[in-house]
């Protein structure tokens, strides 16, 4: 199956394209972290999402129906790339600077209080 055909299959999930980008980014980031045994605060899972997103948008532009790249295609690709990277960036920053939010060791009130 070719790249555009694969994207057509994704469209049958009845999700908006923007939502699909966010979900895919989350799955790639967490999946990479699990497989590589790295935390979400490590750069590797974030870079994996950036790599996949960049490849995806490049293929969209290069394999699109237009004979040459149009400005609107580049704007759309930039929009998709930014939209895709918002959640992974938030997870990276939060897990690097507020790791307690993601651990079982988060302080809670003592039951006697």
PDB file of N, CA and C in Angstrom:
ATOM      1  N   UNK A   1       0.856  -1.172   0.000  1.00  0.00           N
ATOM      2  CA  UNK A   1       0.000   0.000   0.000  1.00  0.00           C
ATOM      3  C   UNK A   1       0.904   1.239   0.000  1.00  0.00           C
ATOM      4  N   UNK A   2       0.552   2.225  -0.794  1.00  0.00           N
ATOM      5  CA  UNK A   2       1.363   3.446  -0.859  1.00  0.00           C
ATOM      6  C   UNK A   2       1.007   4.388   0.293  1.00  0.00           C
ATOM      7  N   UNK A   3       1.809   5.456   0.437  1.00  0.00           N
ATOM      8  CA  UNK A   3       1.659   6.383   1.560  1.00  0.00           C
ATOM      9  C   UNK A   3       0.290   7.046   1.582  1.00  0.00           C
ATOM     10  N   UNK A   4      -0.176   7.532   0.420  1.00  0.00           N
ATOM     11  CA  UNK A   4      -1.477   8.204   0.384  1.00  0.00           C
ATOM     12  C   UNK A   4      -2.608   7.218   0.653  1.00  0.00           C
ATOM     13  N   UNK A   5      -2.444   5.975   0.209  1.00  0.00           N
ATOM     14  CA  UNK A   5      -3.445   4.953   0.501  1.00  0.00           C
ATOM     15  C   UNK A   5      -3.529   4.659   1.984  1.00  0.00           C
ATOM     16  N   UNK A   6      -2.373   4.619   2.634  1.00  0.00           N
ATOM     17  CA  UNK A   6      -2.336   4.402   4.073  1.00  0.00           C
ATOM     18  C   UNK A   6      -3.027   5.546   4.803  1.00  0.00           C
ATOM     19  N   UNK A   7      -2.825   6.770   4.339  1.00  0.00           N
ATOM     20  CA  UNK A   7      -3.481   7.925   4.956  1.00  0.00           C
ATOM     21  C   UNK A   7      -4.994   7.853   4.725  1.00  0.00           C
ATOM     22  N   UNK A   8      -5.416   7.291   3.591  1.00  0.00           N
ATOM     23  CA  UNK A   8      -6.838   7.112   3.326  1.00  0.00           C
ATOM     24  C   UNK A   8      -7.473   6.139   4.300  1.00  0.00           C
ATOM     25  N   UNK A   9      -6.747   5.090   4.626  1.00  0.00           N
ATOM     26  CA  UNK A   9      -7.227   4.125   5.615  1.00  0.00           C
ATOM     27  C   UNK A   9      -7.389   4.816   6.963  1.00  0.00           C
ATOM     28  N   UNK A  10      -6.434   5.670   7.304  1.00  0.00           N
ATOM     29  CA  UNK A  10      -6.512   6.406   8.575  1.00  0.00           C
ATOM     30  C   UNK A  10      -7.750   7.285   8.603  1.00  0.00           C
ATOM     31  N   UNK A  11      -8.141   7.815   7.461  1.00  0.00           N
ATOM     32  CA  UNK A  11      -9.313   8.695   7.399  1.00  0.00           C
ATOM     33  C   UNK A  11     -10.600   7.928   7.708  1.00  0.00           C
ATOM     34  N   UNK A  12     -10.601   6.615   7.483  1.00  0.00           N
ATOM     35  CA  UNK A  12     -11.798   5.827   7.757  1.00  0.00           C
ATOM     36  C   UNK A  12     -12.059   5.670   9.257  1.00  0.00           C
ATOM     37  N   UNK A  13     -11.127   6.094  10.081  1.00  0.00           N
ATOM     38  CA  UNK A  13     -11.324   6.026  11.525  1.00  0.00           C
ATOM     39  C   UNK A  13     -12.306   7.088  12.020  1.00  0.00           C
ATOM     40  N   UNK A  14     -12.765   7.936  11.112  1.00  0.00           N
ATOM     41  CA  UNK A  14     -13.730   8.991  11.409  1.00  0.00           C
ATOM     42  C   UNK A  14     -13.194  10.002  12.422  1.00  0.00           C
ATOM     43  N   UNK A  15     -11.896  10.233  12.359  1.00  0.00           N
ATOM     44  CA  UNK A  15     -11.278  11.244  13.200  1.00  0.00           C
ATOM     45  C   UNK A  15     -10.862  12.416  12.331  1.00  0.00           C
ATOM     46  N   UNK A  16     -10.926  13.591  12.891  1.00  0.00           N
ATOM     47  CA  UNK A  16     -10.400  14.755  12.192  1.00  0.00           C
ATOM     48  C   UNK A  16      -8.890  14.585  12.066  1.00  0.00           C
ATOM     49  N   UNK A  17      -8.331  15.146  11.007  1.00  0.00           N
ATOM     50  CA  UNK A  17      -6.906  15.014  10.754  1.00  0.00           C
ATOM     51  C   UNK A  17      -6.081  15.546  11.922  1.00  0.00           C
ATOM     52  N   UNK A  18      -6.483  16.674  12.488  1.00  0.00           N
ATOM     53  CA  UNK A  18      -5.734  17.246  13.611  1.00  0.00           C
ATOM     54  C   UNK A  18      -5.736  16.301  14.808  1.00  0.00           C
ATOM     55  N   UNK A  19      -6.867  15.685  15.097  1.00  0.00           N
ATOM     56  CA  UNK A  19      -6.945  14.738  16.214  1.00  0.00           C
ATOM     57  C   UNK A  19      -6.067  13.520  15.940  1.00  0.00           C
ATOM     58  N   UNK A  20      -6.070  13.049  14.720  1.00  0.00           N
ATOM     59  CA  UNK A  20      -5.247  11.901  14.357  1.00  0.00           C
ATOM     60  C   UNK A  20      -3.764  12.206  14.567  1.00  0.00           C
ATOM     61  N   UNK A  21      -3.344  13.421  14.234  1.00  0.00           N
ATOM     62  CA  UNK A  21      -1.952  13.829  14.446  1.00  0.00           C
ATOM     63  C   UNK A  21      -1.608  13.796  15.933  1.00  0.00           C
ATOM     64  N   UNK A  22      -2.498  14.307  16.774  1.00  0.00           N
ATOM     65  CA  UNK A  22      -2.249  14.351  18.218  1.00  0.00           C
ATOM     66  C   UNK A  22      -2.175  12.934  18.778  1.00  0.00           C
ATOM     67  N   UNK A  23      -3.114  12.067  18.402  1.00  0.00           N
ATOM     68  CA  UNK A  23      -3.120  10.693  18.907  1.00  0.00           C
ATOM     69  C   UNK A  23      -1.878   9.938  18.440  1.00  0.00           C
ATOM     70  N   UNK A  24      -1.530  10.090  17.175  1.00  0.00           N
ATOM     71  CA  UNK A  24      -0.347   9.405  16.642  1.00  0.00           C
ATOM     72  C   UNK A  24       0.908   9.880  17.361  1.00  0.00           C
ATOM     73  N   UNK A  25       1.007  11.169  17.614  1.00  0.00           N
ATOM     74  CA  UNK A  25       2.175  11.708  18.314  1.00  0.00           C
ATOM     75  C   UNK A  25       2.279  11.106  19.709  1.00  0.00           C
ATOM     76  N   UNK A  26       1.161  11.012  20.407  1.00  0.00           N
ATOM     77  CA  UNK A  26       1.162  10.444  21.753  1.00  0.00           C
ATOM     78  C   UNK A  26       1.607   8.985  21.724  1.00  0.00           C
ATOM     79  N   UNK A  27       1.061   8.214  20.800  1.00  0.00           N
ATOM     80  CA  UNK A  27       1.407   6.791  20.695  1.00  0.00           C
ATOM     81  C   UNK A  27       2.889   6.623  20.343  1.00  0.00           C
ATOM     82  N   UNK A  28       3.388   7.430  19.416  1.00  0.00           N
ATOM     83  CA  UNK A  28       4.798   7.336  19.031  1.00  0.00           C
ATOM     84  C   UNK A  28       5.699   7.713  20.200  1.00  0.00           C
ATOM     85  N   UNK A  29       5.368   8.786  20.908  1.00  0.00           N
ATOM     86  CA  UNK A  29       6.208   9.230  22.018  1.00  0.00           C
ATOM     87  C   UNK A  29       6.231   8.196  23.142  1.00  0.00           C
ATOM     88  N   UNK A  30       5.083   7.749  23.567  1.00  0.00           N
ATOM     89  CA  UNK A  30       5.024   6.780  24.659  1.00  0.00           C
ATOM     90  C   UNK A  30       5.594   5.432  24.204  1.00  0.00           C
ATOM     91  N   UNK A  31       5.268   5.025  22.991  1.00  0.00           N
ATOM     92  CA  UNK A  31       5.806   3.767  22.466  1.00  0.00           C
ATOM     93  C   UNK A  31       7.320   3.769  22.383  1.00  0.00           C
ATOM     94  N   UNK A  32       7.889   4.871  21.922  1.00  0.00           N
ATOM     95  CA  UNK A  32       9.343   4.988  21.855  1.00  0.00           C
ATOM     96  C   UNK A  32       9.950   4.951  23.255  1.00  0.00           C
ATOM     97  N   UNK A  33       9.322   5.632  24.191  1.00  0.00           N
ATOM     98  CA  UNK A  33       9.820   5.640  25.567  1.00  0.00           C
ATOM     99  C   UNK A  33       9.822   4.226  26.149  1.00  0.00           C
ATOM    100  N   UNK A  34       8.760   3.480  25.898  1.00  0.00           N
ATOM    101  CA  UNK A  34       8.660   2.117  26.430  1.00  0.00           C
ATOM    102  C   UNK A  34       9.699   1.209  25.765  1.00  0.00           C
ATOM    103  N   UNK A  35       9.765   1.250  24.440  1.00  0.00           N
ATOM    104  CA  UNK A  35      10.686   0.376  23.712  1.00  0.00           C
ATOM    105  C   UNK A  35      12.144   0.703  24.029  1.00  0.00           C
ATOM    106  N   UNK A  36      12.464   1.985  24.102  1.00  0.00           N
ATOM    107  CA  UNK A  36      13.842   2.407  24.360  1.00  0.00           C
ATOM    108  C   UNK A  36      14.177   2.448  25.851  1.00  0.00           C
ATOM    109  N   UNK A  37      13.156   2.197  26.689  1.00  0.00           N
ATOM    110  CA  UNK A  37      13.328   2.242  28.139  1.00  0.00           C
ATOM    111  C   UNK A  37      13.867   3.603  28.594  1.00  0.00           C
ATOM    112  N   UNK A  38      13.249   4.634  28.066  1.00  0.00           N
ATOM    113  CA  UNK A  38      13.593   6.015  28.415  1.00  0.00           C
ATOM    114  C   UNK A  38      12.371   6.671  29.023  1.00  0.00           C
ATOM    115  N   UNK A  39      12.599   7.713  29.802  1.00  0.00           N
ATOM    116  CA  UNK A  39      11.462   8.450  30.355  1.00  0.00           C
ATOM    117  C   UNK A  39      10.950   9.433  29.299  1.00  0.00           C
ATOM    118  N   UNK A  40       9.769   9.946  29.535  1.00  0.00           N
ATOM    119  CA  UNK A  40       9.228  10.972  28.642  1.00  0.00           C
ATOM    120  C   UNK A  40      10.028  12.263  28.755  1.00  0.00           C
ATOM    121  N   UNK A  41      10.843  12.380  29.785  1.00  0.00           N
ATOM    122  CA  UNK A  41      11.707  13.535  29.950  1.00  0.00           C
ATOM    123  C   UNK A  41      12.995  13.438  29.134  1.00  0.00           C
ATOM    124  N   UNK A  42      13.219  12.299  28.517  1.00  0.00           N
ATOM    125  CA  UNK A  42      14.381  12.119  27.650  1.00  0.00           C
ATOM    126  C   UNK A  42      14.056  12.666  26.264  1.00  0.00           C
ATOM    127  N   UNK A  43      15.077  13.162  25.581  1.00  0.00           N
ATOM    128  CA  UNK A  43      14.861  13.751  24.259  1.00  0.00           C
ATOM    129  C   UNK A  43      14.501  12.716  23.191  1.00  0.00           C
ATOM    130  N   UNK A  44      14.898  11.456  23.348  1.00  0.00           N
ATOM    131  CA  UNK A  44      14.688  10.456  22.297  1.00  0.00           C
ATOM    132  C   UNK A  44      13.223  10.284  21.889  1.00  0.00           C
ATOM    133  N   UNK A  45      12.283  10.070  22.829  1.00  0.00           N
ATOM    134  CA  UNK A  45      10.883   9.925  22.409  1.00  0.00           C
ATOM    135  C   UNK A  45      10.346  11.173  21.690  1.00  0.00           C
ATOM    136  N   UNK A  46      10.750  12.357  22.169  1.00  0.00           N
ATOM    137  CA  UNK A  46      10.314  13.602  21.522  1.00  0.00           C
ATOM    138  C   UNK A  46      10.880  13.691  20.105  1.00  0.00           C
ATOM    139  N   UNK A  47      12.155  13.340  19.953  1.00  0.00           N
ATOM    140  CA  UNK A  47      12.786  13.375  18.626  1.00  0.00           C
ATOM    141  C   UNK A  47      12.166  12.351  17.676  1.00  0.00           C
ATOM    142  N   UNK A  48      11.721  11.213  18.218  1.00  0.00           N
ATOM    143  CA  UNK A  48      11.049  10.218  17.381  1.00  0.00           C
ATOM    144  C   UNK A  48       9.760  10.798  16.798  1.00  0.00           C
ATOM    145  N   UNK A  49       9.000  11.500  17.634  1.00  0.00           N
ATOM    146  CA  UNK A  49       7.769  12.137  17.147  1.00  0.00           C
ATOM    147  C   UNK A  49       8.108  13.189  16.096  1.00  0.00           C
ATOM    148  N   UNK A  50       9.098  14.015  16.374  1.00  0.00           N
ATOM    149  CA  UNK A  50       9.492  15.050  15.413  1.00  0.00           C
ATOM    150  C   UNK A  50       9.926  14.422  14.090  1.00  0.00           C
ATOM    151  N   UNK A  51      10.675  13.353  14.154  1.00  0.00           N
ATOM    152  CA  UNK A  51      11.111  12.676  12.934  1.00  0.00           C
ATOM    153  C   UNK A  51       9.951  12.123  12.131  1.00  0.00           C
ATOM    154  N   UNK A  52       9.032  11.412  12.789  1.00  0.00           N
ATOM    155  CA  UNK A  52       7.863  10.875  12.099  1.00  0.00           C
ATOM    156  C   UNK A  52       6.986  11.982  11.529  1.00  0.00           C
ATOM    157  N   UNK A  53       6.779  13.037  12.313  1.00  0.00           N
ATOM    158  CA  UNK A  53       5.926  14.142  11.862  1.00  0.00           C
ATOM    159  C   UNK A  53       6.548  14.843  10.660  1.00  0.00           C
ATOM    160  N   UNK A  54       7.854  15.061  10.707  1.00  0.00           N
ATOM    161  CA  UNK A  54       8.539  15.712   9.590  1.00  0.00           C
ATOM    162  C   UNK A  54       8.479  14.838   8.339  1.00  0.00           C
ATOM    163  N   UNK A  55       8.714  13.544   8.506  1.00  0.00           N
ATOM    164  CA  UNK A  55       8.620  12.616   7.372  1.00  0.00           C
ATOM    165  C   UNK A  55       7.208  12.602   6.798  1.00  0.00           C
ATOM    166  N   UNK A  56       6.215  12.546   7.675  1.00  0.00           N
ATOM    167  CA  UNK A  56       4.823  12.535   7.238  1.00  0.00           C
ATOM    168  C   UNK A  56       4.474  13.786   6.427  1.00  0.00           C
ATOM    169  N   UNK A  57       4.844  14.946   6.960  1.00  0.00           N
ATOM    170  CA  UNK A  57       4.510  16.185   6.253  1.00  0.00           C
ATOM    171  C   UNK A  57       5.299  16.316   4.955  1.00  0.00           C
ATOM    172  N   UNK A  58       6.533  15.860   4.950  1.00  0.00           N
ATOM    173  CA  UNK A  58       7.328  15.889   3.715  1.00  0.00           C
ATOM    174  C   UNK A  58       6.696  15.012   2.646  1.00  0.00           C
ATOM    175  N   UNK A  59       6.275  13.816   3.040  1.00  0.00           N
ATOM    176  CA  UNK A  59       5.630  12.921   2.074  1.00  0.00           C
ATOM    177  C   UNK A  59       4.301  13.496   1.586  1.00  0.00           C
ATOM    178  N   UNK A  60       3.557  14.126   2.489  1.00  0.00           N
ATOM    179  CA  UNK A  60       2.297  14.761   2.085  1.00  0.00           C
ATOM    180  C   UNK A  60       2.532  15.805   0.997  1.00  0.00           C
ATOM    181  N   UNK A  61       3.554  16.634   1.200  1.00  0.00           N
ATOM    182  CA  UNK A  61       3.832  17.703   0.241  1.00  0.00           C
ATOM    183  C   UNK A  61       4.397  17.121  -1.056  1.00  0.00           C
ATOM    184  N   UNK A  62       5.356  16.214  -0.943  1.00  0.00           N
ATOM    185  CA  UNK A  62       6.028  15.682  -2.132  1.00  0.00           C
ATOM    186  C   UNK A  62       5.164  14.731  -2.941  1.00  0.00           C
ATOM    187  N   UNK A  63       4.298  13.984  -2.275  1.00  0.00           N
ATOM    188  CA  UNK A  63       3.463  13.006  -2.978  1.00  0.00           C
ATOM    189  C   UNK A  63       2.057  13.525  -3.252  1.00  0.00           C
ATOM    190  N   UNK A  64       1.830  14.788  -2.955  1.00  0.00           N
ATOM    191  CA  UNK A  64       0.514  15.382  -3.189  1.00  0.00           C
ATOM    192  C   UNK A  64       0.194  15.450  -4.677  1.00  0.00           C
ATOM    193  N   UNK A  65      -0.976  15.906  -4.972  1.00  0.00           N
ATOM    194  CA  UNK A  65      -1.457  15.938  -6.355  1.00  0.00           C
ATOM    195  C   UNK A  65      -0.872  17.077  -7.170  1.00  0.00           C
ATOM    196  N   UNK A  66      -0.288  18.067  -6.518  1.00  0.00           N
ATOM    197  CA  UNK A  66       0.282  19.219  -7.216  1.00  0.00           C
ATOM    198  C   UNK A  66       1.625  18.855  -7.841  1.00  0.00           C
ATOM    199  N   UNK A  67       1.907  19.412  -9.014  1.00  0.00           N
ATOM    200  CA  UNK A  67       3.178  19.154  -9.691  1.00  0.00           C
ATOM    201  C   UNK A  67       4.339  19.852  -8.992  1.00  0.00           C
ATOM    202  N   UNK A  68       4.074  20.979  -8.361  1.00  0.00           N
ATOM    203  CA  UNK A  68       5.103  21.695  -7.622  1.00  0.00           C
ATOM    204  C   UNK A  68       4.542  22.097  -6.266  1.00  0.00           C
ATOM    205  N   UNK A  69       5.448  22.361  -5.352  1.00  0.00           N
ATOM    206  CA  UNK A  69       5.041  22.724  -3.989  1.00  0.00           C
ATOM    207  C   UNK A  69       4.464  24.130  -3.986  1.00  0.00           C
ATOM    208  N   UNK A  70       3.282  24.261  -3.442  1.00  0.00           N
ATOM    209  CA  UNK A  70       2.590  25.546  -3.360  1.00  0.00           C
ATOM    210  C   UNK A  70       2.716  26.119  -1.951  1.00  0.00           C
ATOM    211  N   UNK A  71       2.643  27.440  -1.826  1.00  0.00           N
ATOM    212  CA  UNK A  71       2.736  28.057  -0.492  1.00  0.00           C
ATOM    213  C   UNK A  71       1.694  27.535   0.492  1.00  0.00           C
ATOM    214  N   UNK A  72       0.479  27.282   0.015  1.00  0.00           N
ATOM    215  CA  UNK A  72      -0.561  26.792   0.910  1.00  0.00           C
ATOM    216  C   UNK A  72      -0.217  25.407   1.449  1.00  0.00           C
ATOM    217  N   UNK A  73       0.512  24.603   0.661  1.00  0.00           N
ATOM    218  CA  UNK A  73       0.923  23.288   1.144  1.00  0.00           C
ATOM    219  C   UNK A  73       1.933  23.422   2.288  1.00  0.00           C
ATOM    220  N   UNK A  74       2.834  24.364   2.135  1.00  0.00           N
ATOM    221  CA  UNK A  74       3.844  24.582   3.169  1.00  0.00           C
ATOM    222  C   UNK A  74       3.194  25.115   4.452  1.00  0.00           C
ATOM    223  N   UNK A  75       2.208  26.009   4.309  1.00  0.00           N
ATOM    224  CA  UNK A  75       1.499  26.515   5.490  1.00  0.00           C
ATOM    225  C   UNK A  75       0.748  25.385   6.188  1.00  0.00           C
ATOM    226  N   UNK A  76       0.112  24.539   5.402  1.00  0.00           N
ATOM    227  CA  UNK A  76      -0.612  23.401   5.972  1.00  0.00           C
ATOM    228  C   UNK A  76       0.323  22.430   6.676  1.00  0.00           C
ATOM    229  N   UNK A  77       1.470  22.177   6.057  1.00  0.00           N
ATOM    230  CA  UNK A  77       2.449  21.275   6.665  1.00  0.00           C
ATOM    231  C   UNK A  77       2.986  21.860   7.971  1.00  0.00           C
ATOM    232  N   UNK A  78       3.254  23.160   7.979  1.00  0.00           N
ATOM    233  CA  UNK A  78       3.752  23.822   9.198  1.00  0.00           C
ATOM    234  C   UNK A  78       2.691  23.754  10.300  1.00  0.00           C
ATOM    235  N   UNK A  79       1.435  24.007   9.937  1.00  0.00           N
ATOM    236  CA  UNK A  79       0.337  23.921  10.906  1.00  0.00           C
ATOM    237  C   UNK A  79       0.268  22.516  11.501  1.00  0.00           C
ATOM    238  N   UNK A  80       0.319  21.505  10.645  1.00  0.00           N
ATOM    239  CA  UNK A  80       0.239  20.126  11.113  1.00  0.00           C
ATOM    240  C   UNK A  80       1.426  19.772  12.003  1.00  0.00           C
ATOM    241  N   UNK A  81       2.610  20.231  11.640  1.00  0.00           N
ATOM    242  CA  UNK A  81       3.806  19.933  12.424  1.00  0.00           C
ATOM    243  C   UNK A  81       3.713  20.561  13.819  1.00  0.00           C
ATOM    244  N   UNK A  82       3.299  21.818  13.877  1.00  0.00           N
ATOM    245  CA  UNK A  82       3.151  22.485  15.176  1.00  0.00           C
ATOM    246  C   UNK A  82       2.074  21.797  16.006  1.00  0.00           C
ATOM    247  N   UNK A  83       0.938  21.516  15.402  1.00  0.00           N
ATOM    248  CA  UNK A  83      -0.170  20.863  16.098  1.00  0.00           C
ATOM    249  C   UNK A  83       0.260  19.493  16.634  1.00  0.00           C
ATOM    250  N   UNK A  84       1.022  18.767  15.841  1.00  0.00           N
ATOM    251  CA  UNK A  84       1.479  17.437  16.238  1.00  0.00           C
ATOM    252  C   UNK A  84       2.446  17.500  17.406  1.00  0.00           C
ATOM    253  N   UNK A  85       3.272  18.528  17.467  1.00  0.00           N
ATOM    254  CA  UNK A  85       4.345  18.597  18.465  1.00  0.00           C
ATOM    255  C   UNK A  85       3.949  19.252  19.785  1.00  0.00           C
ATOM    256  N   UNK A  86       2.751  19.826  19.887  1.00  0.00           N
ATOM    257  CA  UNK A  86       2.364  20.516  21.120  1.00  0.00           C
ATOM    258  C   UNK A  86       2.308  19.561  22.313  1.00  0.00           C
ATOM    259  N   UNK A  87       1.585  18.453  22.210  1.00  0.00           N
ATOM    260  CA  UNK A  87       1.474  17.522  23.338  1.00  0.00           C
ATOM    261  C   UNK A  87       2.821  16.869  23.659  1.00  0.00           C
ATOM    262  N   UNK A  88       3.578  16.371  22.680  1.00  0.00           N
ATOM    263  CA  UNK A  88       4.885  15.802  23.020  1.00  0.00           C
ATOM    264  C   UNK A  88       5.816  16.803  23.699  1.00  0.00           C
ATOM    265  N   UNK A  89       5.763  18.052  23.272  1.00  0.00           N
ATOM    266  CA  UNK A  89       6.609  19.075  23.894  1.00  0.00           C
ATOM    267  C   UNK A  89       6.168  19.326  25.336  1.00  0.00           C
ATOM    268  N   UNK A  90       4.863  19.383  25.555  1.00  0.00           N
ATOM    269  CA  UNK A  90       4.349  19.573  26.920  1.00  0.00           C
ATOM    270  C   UNK A  90       4.758  18.401  27.806  1.00  0.00           C
ATOM    271  N   UNK A  91       4.648  17.180  27.301  1.00  0.00           N
ATOM    272  CA  UNK A  91       5.039  16.008  28.088  1.00  0.00           C
ATOM    273  C   UNK A  91       6.539  16.015  28.381  1.00  0.00           C
ATOM    274  N   UNK A  92       7.348  16.392  27.405  1.00  0.00           N
ATOM    275  CA  UNK A  92       8.797  16.470  27.611  1.00  0.00           C
ATOM    276  C   UNK A  92       9.135  17.493  28.692  1.00  0.00           C
ATOM    277  N   UNK A  93       8.596  18.689  28.561  1.00  0.00           N
ATOM    278  CA  UNK A  93       8.915  19.766  29.503  1.00  0.00           C
ATOM    279  C   UNK A  93       8.416  19.420  30.911  1.00  0.00           C
ATOM    280  N   UNK A  94       7.186  18.951  31.017  1.00  0.00           N
ATOM    281  CA  UNK A  94       6.642  18.617  32.337  1.00  0.00           C
ATOM    282  C   UNK A  94       7.408  17.481  32.992  1.00  0.00           C
ATOM    283  N   UNK A  95       7.749  16.449  32.221  1.00  0.00           N
ATOM    284  CA  UNK A  95       8.443  15.331  32.853  1.00  0.00           C
ATOM    285  C   UNK A  95       9.901  15.643  33.166  1.00  0.00           C
ATOM    286  N   UNK A  96      10.472  16.642  32.498  1.00  0.00           N
ATOM    287  CA  UNK A  96      11.844  17.059  32.834  1.00  0.00           C
ATOM    288  C   UNK A  96      11.867  17.975  34.055  1.00  0.00           C
ATOM    289  N   UNK A  97      10.907  18.892  34.123  1.00  0.00           N
ATOM    290  CA  UNK A  97      10.947  19.908  35.161  1.00  0.00           C
ATOM    291  C   UNK A  97       9.964  19.684  36.306  1.00  0.00           C
ATOM    292  N   UNK A  98       8.994  18.822  36.124  1.00  0.00           N
ATOM    293  CA  UNK A  98       8.035  18.478  37.181  1.00  0.00           C
ATOM    294  C   UNK A  98       7.822  16.973  37.186  1.00  0.00           C
ATOM    295  N   UNK A  99       8.879  16.171  37.357  1.00  0.00           N
ATOM    296  CA  UNK A  99       8.749  14.716  37.247  1.00  0.00           C
ATOM    297  C   UNK A  99       7.795  14.114  38.268  1.00  0.00           C
ATOM    298  N   UNK A 100       7.584  14.789  39.373  1.00  0.00           N
ATOM    299  CA  UNK A 100       6.665  14.278  40.382  1.00  0.00           C
ATOM    300  C   UNK A 100       5.244  14.134  39.881  1.00  0.00           C
ATOM    301  N   UNK A 101       4.892  14.865  38.845  1.00  0.00           N
ATOM    302  CA  UNK A 101       3.540  14.751  38.288  1.00  0.00           C
ATOM    303  C   UNK A 101       3.297  13.385  37.648  1.00  0.00           C
ATOM    304  N   UNK A 102       4.377  12.675  37.305  1.00  0.00           N
ATOM    305  CA  UNK A 102       4.258  11.419  36.575  1.00  0.00           C
ATOM    306  C   UNK A 102       4.674  10.210  37.397  1.00  0.00           C
ATOM    307  N   UNK A 103       4.855  10.380  38.701  1.00  0.00           N
ATOM    308  CA  UNK A 103       5.316   9.253  39.508  1.00  0.00           C
ATOM    309  C   UNK A 103       4.327   8.946  40.613  1.00  0.00           C
ATOM    310  N   UNK A 104       4.449   7.740  41.105  1.00  0.00           N
ATOM    311  CA  UNK A 104       3.578   7.310  42.203  1.00  0.00           C
ATOM    312  C   UNK A 104       3.974   7.990  43.503  1.00  0.00           C
ATOM    313  N   UNK A 105       5.126   8.624  43.504  1.00  0.00           N
ATOM    314  CA  UNK A 105       5.610   9.259  44.711  1.00  0.00           C
ATOM    315  C   UNK A 105       5.095  10.668  44.922  1.00  0.00           C
ATOM    316  N   UNK A 106       4.055  11.052  44.210  1.00  0.00           N
ATOM    317  CA  UNK A 106       3.492  12.384  44.389  1.00  0.00           C
ATOM    318  C   UNK A 106       2.960  12.493  45.810  1.00  0.00           C
ATOM    319  N   UNK A 107       3.374  13.553  46.487  1.00  0.00           N
ATOM    320  CA  UNK A 107       2.942  13.729  47.875  1.00  0.00           C
ATOM    321  C   UNK A 107       1.455  13.970  47.955  1.00  0.00           C
ATOM    322  N   UNK A 108       0.839  13.237  48.848  1.00  0.00           N
ATOM    323  CA  UNK A 108      -0.584  13.441  49.106  1.00  0.00           C
ATOM    324  C   UNK A 108      -0.752  13.742  50.585  1.00  0.00           C
ATOM    325  N   UNK A 109      -1.910  14.184  50.922  1.00  0.00           N
ATOM    326  CA  UNK A 109      -2.174  14.480  52.334  1.00  0.00           C
ATOM    327  C   UNK A 109      -2.192  13.175  53.120  1.00  0.00           C
ATOM    328  N   UNK A 110      -1.704  13.263  54.311  1.00  0.00           N
ATOM    329  CA  UNK A 110      -1.714  12.107  55.196  1.00  0.00           C
ATOM    330  C   UNK A 110      -3.168  11.771  55.521  1.00  0.00           C
ATOM    331  N   UNK A 111      -3.523  10.477  55.591  1.00  0.00           N
ATOM    332  CA  UNK A 111      -4.935  10.114  55.857  1.00  0.00           C
ATOM    333  C   UNK A 111      -5.473  10.656  57.168  1.00  0.00           C
ATOM    334  N   UNK A 112      -4.595  10.925  58.140  1.00  0.00           N
ATOM    335  CA  UNK A 112      -5.060  11.424  59.440  1.00  0.00           C
ATOM    336  C   UNK A 112      -5.331  12.928  59.425  1.00  0.00           C
ATOM    337  N   UNK A 113      -4.929  13.612  58.360  1.00  0.00           N
ATOM    338  CA  UNK A 113      -5.105  15.074  58.294  1.00  0.00           C
ATOM    339  C   UNK A 113      -6.501  15.446  57.892  1.00  0.00           C
TER     340      UNK A 113
END
